[in-house]
């Protein structure tokens, strides 16, 4: 998946991002599954954070697109951002804070 996300980022930077707008909801659902539902194999969890490397690539892809028009999809994005901003605790572990 990480390789696919890297390919997506490359393609999004080469073409008009509106051409790939139809996959935006799928990217948001995947990000929601990782960030909110924590659906991830245990060997991809780093400091209780499911696959942070893939999450960062998906966040970068979302940066390229304009906000989703669908209210349900936009609600998922708001839920993800709210969790990151309000429910992230600081820790004494530097690596965990970096995540």
C-alpha atoms as a PDB file:
ATOM      1  CA  UNK A   1       0.000   0.000   0.000  1.00  0.00           C
ATOM      2  CA  UNK A   2       2.816   2.374   0.768  1.00  0.00           C
ATOM      3  CA  UNK A   3       4.227   1.890  -2.714  1.00  0.00           C
ATOM      4  CA  UNK A   4       0.785   2.522  -4.209  1.00  0.00           C
ATOM      5  CA  UNK A   5       0.447   5.706  -2.163  1.00  0.00           C
ATOM      6  CA  UNK A   6       3.856   6.878  -3.406  1.00  0.00           C
ATOM      7  CA  UNK A   7       2.767   6.216  -6.981  1.00  0.00           C
ATOM      8  CA  UNK A   8      -0.476   8.118  -6.365  1.00  0.00           C
ATOM      9  CA  UNK A   9       1.461  11.129  -5.043  1.00  0.00           C
ATOM     10  CA  UNK A  10       3.722  11.102  -8.098  1.00  0.00           C
ATOM     11  CA  UNK A  11       0.800  10.887 -10.509  1.00  0.00           C
ATOM     12  CA  UNK A  12      -1.131  13.607  -8.664  1.00  0.00           C
ATOM     13  CA  UNK A  13       1.858  15.914  -9.045  1.00  0.00           C
ATOM     14  CA  UNK A  14       2.166  15.178 -12.774  1.00  0.00           C
ATOM     15  CA  UNK A  15      -1.458  15.539 -13.877  1.00  0.00           C
ATOM     16  CA  UNK A  16      -4.372  17.794 -13.083  1.00  0.00           C
ATOM     17  CA  UNK A  17      -5.534  16.486  -9.698  1.00  0.00           C
ATOM     18  CA  UNK A  18      -9.176  16.878 -10.755  1.00  0.00           C
ATOM     19  CA  UNK A  19      -8.646  13.987 -13.178  1.00  0.00           C
ATOM     20  CA  UNK A  20      -8.228  11.672 -10.197  1.00  0.00           C
ATOM     21  CA  UNK A  21     -10.855  13.288  -7.948  1.00  0.00           C
ATOM     22  CA  UNK A  22     -13.015  10.127  -8.035  1.00  0.00           C
ATOM     23  CA  UNK A  23     -10.480   8.217  -5.919  1.00  0.00           C
ATOM     24  CA  UNK A  24     -10.376  10.886  -3.207  1.00  0.00           C
ATOM     25  CA  UNK A  25     -13.227   9.280  -1.171  1.00  0.00           C
ATOM     26  CA  UNK A  26     -11.381   5.944  -1.233  1.00  0.00           C
ATOM     27  CA  UNK A  27      -8.216   7.576   0.080  1.00  0.00           C
ATOM     28  CA  UNK A  28     -10.216   9.289   2.830  1.00  0.00           C
ATOM     29  CA  UNK A  29     -11.931   6.025   3.812  1.00  0.00           C
ATOM     30  CA  UNK A  30      -8.552   4.277   4.009  1.00  0.00           C
ATOM     31  CA  UNK A  31      -7.138   7.087   6.120  1.00  0.00           C
ATOM     32  CA  UNK A  32     -10.214   6.916   8.366  1.00  0.00           C
ATOM     33  CA  UNK A  33      -9.751   3.174   8.798  1.00  0.00           C
ATOM     34  CA  UNK A  34      -6.136   3.752   9.864  1.00  0.00           C
ATOM     35  CA  UNK A  35      -6.441   6.893  11.988  1.00  0.00           C
ATOM     36  CA  UNK A  36      -9.850   6.391  13.624  1.00  0.00           C
ATOM     37  CA  UNK A  37     -10.629   2.674  13.531  1.00  0.00           C
ATOM     38  CA  UNK A  38      -6.956   1.640  13.902  1.00  0.00           C
ATOM     39  CA  UNK A  39      -7.451  -1.175  11.380  1.00  0.00           C
ATOM     40  CA  UNK A  40      -3.926  -2.320  10.746  1.00  0.00           C
ATOM     41  CA  UNK A  41      -1.851  -5.497  11.173  1.00  0.00           C
ATOM     42  CA  UNK A  42       0.012  -5.404  14.474  1.00  0.00           C
ATOM     43  CA  UNK A  43       3.436  -5.428  12.815  1.00  0.00           C
ATOM     44  CA  UNK A  44       2.639  -2.048  11.176  1.00  0.00           C
ATOM     45  CA  UNK A  45       1.815  -0.291  14.443  1.00  0.00           C
ATOM     46  CA  UNK A  46       4.456   2.162  15.642  1.00  0.00           C
ATOM     47  CA  UNK A  47       3.986   3.651  19.128  1.00  0.00           C
ATOM     48  CA  UNK A  48       0.260   2.776  19.068  1.00  0.00           C
ATOM     49  CA  UNK A  49      -0.091   4.544  15.706  1.00  0.00           C
ATOM     50  CA  UNK A  50      -1.233   2.367  12.789  1.00  0.00           C
ATOM     51  CA  UNK A  51       1.131   2.641   9.815  1.00  0.00           C
ATOM     52  CA  UNK A  52       2.160   6.298  10.240  1.00  0.00           C
ATOM     53  CA  UNK A  53       4.239   6.217   7.044  1.00  0.00           C
ATOM     54  CA  UNK A  54       1.202   5.344   4.929  1.00  0.00           C
ATOM     55  CA  UNK A  55      -0.908   7.877   6.800  1.00  0.00           C
ATOM     56  CA  UNK A  56       1.555  10.659   5.968  1.00  0.00           C
ATOM     57  CA  UNK A  57       1.460   9.786   2.266  1.00  0.00           C
ATOM     58  CA  UNK A  58      -2.334   9.831   2.322  1.00  0.00           C
ATOM     59  CA  UNK A  59      -2.347  13.222   4.084  1.00  0.00           C
ATOM     60  CA  UNK A  60      -0.017  14.571   1.395  1.00  0.00           C
ATOM     61  CA  UNK A  61      -2.385  13.303  -1.304  1.00  0.00           C
ATOM     62  CA  UNK A  62      -5.303  15.065   0.392  1.00  0.00           C
ATOM     63  CA  UNK A  63      -3.289  18.283   0.367  1.00  0.00           C
ATOM     64  CA  UNK A  64      -3.252  18.254  -3.419  1.00  0.00           C
ATOM     65  CA  UNK A  65      -7.011  17.896  -3.873  1.00  0.00           C
ATOM     66  CA  UNK A  66      -9.609  20.514  -3.067  1.00  0.00           C
ATOM     67  CA  UNK A  67     -11.879  19.625  -0.110  1.00  0.00           C
ATOM     68  CA  UNK A  68     -14.445  16.894  -0.823  1.00  0.00           C
ATOM     69  CA  UNK A  69     -17.906  18.058  -1.839  1.00  0.00           C
ATOM     70  CA  UNK A  70     -19.723  15.092  -0.299  1.00  0.00           C
ATOM     71  CA  UNK A  71     -20.780  15.908   3.275  1.00  0.00           C
ATOM     72  CA  UNK A  72     -20.156  12.355   4.518  1.00  0.00           C
ATOM     73  CA  UNK A  73     -16.624  12.290   3.149  1.00  0.00           C
ATOM     74  CA  UNK A  74     -15.937  15.781   4.463  1.00  0.00           C
ATOM     75  CA  UNK A  75     -17.213  14.642   7.863  1.00  0.00           C
ATOM     76  CA  UNK A  76     -14.659  11.816   7.858  1.00  0.00           C
ATOM     77  CA  UNK A  77     -11.870  14.306   7.169  1.00  0.00           C
ATOM     78  CA  UNK A  78     -13.103  16.553   9.984  1.00  0.00           C
ATOM     79  CA  UNK A  79     -13.208  13.578  12.360  1.00  0.00           C
ATOM     80  CA  UNK A  80      -9.628  12.630  11.473  1.00  0.00           C
ATOM     81  CA  UNK A  81      -8.306  16.172  11.901  1.00  0.00           C
ATOM     82  CA  UNK A  82     -10.203  16.632  15.164  1.00  0.00           C
ATOM     83  CA  UNK A  83      -8.717  13.427  16.559  1.00  0.00           C
ATOM     84  CA  UNK A  84      -5.219  14.502  15.614  1.00  0.00           C
ATOM     85  CA  UNK A  85      -5.539  17.981  17.073  1.00  0.00           C
ATOM     86  CA  UNK A  86      -7.546  17.285  20.222  1.00  0.00           C
ATOM     87  CA  UNK A  87      -6.862  13.735  21.293  1.00  0.00           C
ATOM     88  CA  UNK A  88      -3.123  13.412  20.798  1.00  0.00           C
ATOM     89  CA  UNK A  89      -1.217  13.283  24.064  1.00  0.00           C
ATOM     90  CA  UNK A  90       2.351  14.411  24.569  1.00  0.00           C
ATOM     91  CA  UNK A  91       4.683  11.750  25.836  1.00  0.00           C
ATOM     92  CA  UNK A  92       8.180  11.494  27.242  1.00  0.00           C
ATOM     93  CA  UNK A  93       9.115   9.252  24.311  1.00  0.00           C
ATOM     94  CA  UNK A  94      10.529  11.492  21.586  1.00  0.00           C
ATOM     95  CA  UNK A  95       9.631   9.056  18.793  1.00  0.00           C
ATOM     96  CA  UNK A  96       6.017   8.892  19.932  1.00  0.00           C
ATOM     97  CA  UNK A  97       5.799  12.693  19.983  1.00  0.00           C
ATOM     98  CA  UNK A  98       7.214  12.823  16.461  1.00  0.00           C
ATOM     99  CA  UNK A  99       4.493  10.478  15.271  1.00  0.00           C
END
